[in-house]
C-alpha atoms as a PDB file:
ATOM      1  CA  UNK A   1       9.280  26.340  29.119  1.00  0.00           C
ATOM      2  CA  UNK A   2       7.847  28.580  26.424  1.00  0.00           C
ATOM      3  CA  UNK A   3       4.353  28.093  24.985  1.00  0.00           C
ATOM      4  CA  UNK A   4       3.060  29.316  21.643  1.00  0.00           C
ATOM      5  CA  UNK A   5      -0.708  29.140  21.064  1.00  0.00           C
ATOM      6  CA  UNK A   6      -0.773  29.542  17.327  1.00  0.00           C
ATOM      7  CA  UNK A   7      -3.273  27.210  15.681  1.00  0.00           C
ATOM      8  CA  UNK A   8      -6.944  26.504  16.181  1.00  0.00           C
ATOM      9  CA  UNK A   9      -6.131  22.806  16.450  1.00  0.00           C
ATOM     10  CA  UNK A  10      -2.623  22.892  17.979  1.00  0.00           C
ATOM     11  CA  UNK A  11      -0.111  24.625  20.183  1.00  0.00           C
ATOM     12  CA  UNK A  12       3.666  24.492  20.402  1.00  0.00           C
ATOM     13  CA  UNK A  13       5.925  24.221  23.443  1.00  0.00           C
ATOM     14  CA  UNK A  14       9.680  24.380  23.914  1.00  0.00           C
ATOM     15  CA  UNK A  15      10.977  22.735  27.070  1.00  0.00           C
ATOM     16  CA  UNK A  16      14.114  23.672  28.932  1.00  0.00           C
ATOM     17  CA  UNK A  17      16.791  21.296  30.124  1.00  0.00           C
ATOM     18  CA  UNK A  18      16.122  18.690  27.462  1.00  0.00           C
ATOM     19  CA  UNK A  19      18.390  15.650  27.630  1.00  0.00           C
ATOM     20  CA  UNK A  20      18.998  15.461  23.872  1.00  0.00           C
ATOM     21  CA  UNK A  21      20.716  18.092  21.739  1.00  0.00           C
ATOM     22  CA  UNK A  22      18.537  18.136  18.605  1.00  0.00           C
ATOM     23  CA  UNK A  23      16.507  21.384  18.666  1.00  0.00           C
ATOM     24  CA  UNK A  24      12.826  20.467  18.551  1.00  0.00           C
ATOM     25  CA  UNK A  25       9.351  21.584  19.559  1.00  0.00           C
ATOM     26  CA  UNK A  26       6.533  19.686  21.214  1.00  0.00           C
ATOM     27  CA  UNK A  27       3.155  19.981  19.507  1.00  0.00           C
ATOM     28  CA  UNK A  28      -0.133  19.146  21.178  1.00  0.00           C
ATOM     29  CA  UNK A  29      -3.330  18.894  19.175  1.00  0.00           C
ATOM     30  CA  UNK A  30      -6.801  19.612  20.492  1.00  0.00           C
ATOM     31  CA  UNK A  31      -7.695  15.896  20.422  1.00  0.00           C
ATOM     32  CA  UNK A  32      -4.727  15.086  22.691  1.00  0.00           C
ATOM     33  CA  UNK A  33      -2.370  13.839  19.968  1.00  0.00           C
ATOM     34  CA  UNK A  34       1.241  14.849  20.606  1.00  0.00           C
ATOM     35  CA  UNK A  35       4.310  14.948  18.404  1.00  0.00           C
ATOM     36  CA  UNK A  36       7.824  16.355  18.482  1.00  0.00           C
ATOM     37  CA  UNK A  37       9.199  18.021  15.358  1.00  0.00           C
ATOM     38  CA  UNK A  38      12.758  19.072  14.564  1.00  0.00           C
ATOM     39  CA  UNK A  39      12.986  22.856  14.338  1.00  0.00           C
ATOM     40  CA  UNK A  40      15.561  22.863  11.538  1.00  0.00           C
ATOM     41  CA  UNK A  41      13.864  20.339   9.232  1.00  0.00           C
ATOM     42  CA  UNK A  42      10.295  19.845  10.457  1.00  0.00           C
ATOM     43  CA  UNK A  43      10.964  16.096  10.637  1.00  0.00           C
ATOM     44  CA  UNK A  44       8.679  14.045  12.854  1.00  0.00           C
ATOM     45  CA  UNK A  45      10.807  12.784  15.734  1.00  0.00           C
ATOM     46  CA  UNK A  46       8.264  11.280  18.125  1.00  0.00           C
ATOM     47  CA  UNK A  47       4.527  10.738  18.183  1.00  0.00           C
ATOM     48  CA  UNK A  48       1.637  10.232  15.825  1.00  0.00           C
ATOM     49  CA  UNK A  49      -1.167  12.364  14.461  1.00  0.00           C
ATOM     50  CA  UNK A  50      -3.908  11.406  12.037  1.00  0.00           C
ATOM     51  CA  UNK A  51      -4.395  12.449   9.375  1.00  0.00           C
ATOM     52  CA  UNK A  52      -0.752  13.370   8.731  1.00  0.00           C
ATOM     53  CA  UNK A  53      -1.799  16.449   6.763  1.00  0.00           C
ATOM     54  CA  UNK A  54      -2.539  18.108  10.123  1.00  0.00           C
ATOM     55  CA  UNK A  55       1.233  18.576  10.397  1.00  0.00           C
ATOM     56  CA  UNK A  56       1.374  20.815   7.296  1.00  0.00           C
ATOM     57  CA  UNK A  57       0.301  24.092   8.978  1.00  0.00           C
ATOM     58  CA  UNK A  58       2.531  23.320  11.956  1.00  0.00           C
ATOM     59  CA  UNK A  59       5.553  22.810   9.710  1.00  0.00           C
ATOM     60  CA  UNK A  60       4.717  25.995   7.806  1.00  0.00           C
ATOM     61  CA  UNK A  61       4.584  27.949  11.075  1.00  0.00           C
ATOM     62  CA  UNK A  62       7.852  26.421  12.284  1.00  0.00           C
ATOM     63  CA  UNK A  63       9.540  27.330   8.992  1.00  0.00           C
ATOM     64  CA  UNK A  64       8.311  30.937   9.234  1.00  0.00           C
ATOM     65  CA  UNK A  65       9.567  31.240  12.830  1.00  0.00           C
ATOM     66  CA  UNK A  66      12.624  28.978  12.629  1.00  0.00           C
ATOM     67  CA  UNK A  67      15.225  31.558  13.717  1.00  0.00           C
ATOM     68  CA  UNK A  68      13.223  32.683  16.757  1.00  0.00           C
ATOM     69  CA  UNK A  69      12.475  29.082  17.745  1.00  0.00           C
ATOM     70  CA  UNK A  70      16.139  28.094  17.511  1.00  0.00           C
ATOM     71  CA  UNK A  71      17.139  31.120  19.579  1.00  0.00           C
ATOM     72  CA  UNK A  72      14.572  30.244  22.247  1.00  0.00           C
ATOM     73  CA  UNK A  73      15.537  26.559  22.252  1.00  0.00           C
ATOM     74  CA  UNK A  74      19.196  27.469  22.756  1.00  0.00           C
ATOM     75  CA  UNK A  75      18.303  29.942  25.501  1.00  0.00           C
ATOM     76  CA  UNK A  76      16.362  27.273  27.394  1.00  0.00           C
ATOM     77  CA  UNK A  77      18.918  24.531  26.670  1.00  0.00           C
ATOM     78  CA  UNK A  78      22.377  26.111  27.012  1.00  0.00           C
END
């Protein structure tokens, strides 16, 4: 598992040994809300956060770090 503490309101985690092949990150918000986002597209896969605009800075960060996130996901999920 790799953790990234990047936002004031959120943090990102990549788990190893996932049972599904789509590269994604887990995002936990300070209020306890949790979502999973696809690394390649930023699409919401699982979860709910309100208001939805809270996902914008997360998606921007994922886009800026996409290559490193994909490399780490593949390392943890060979």
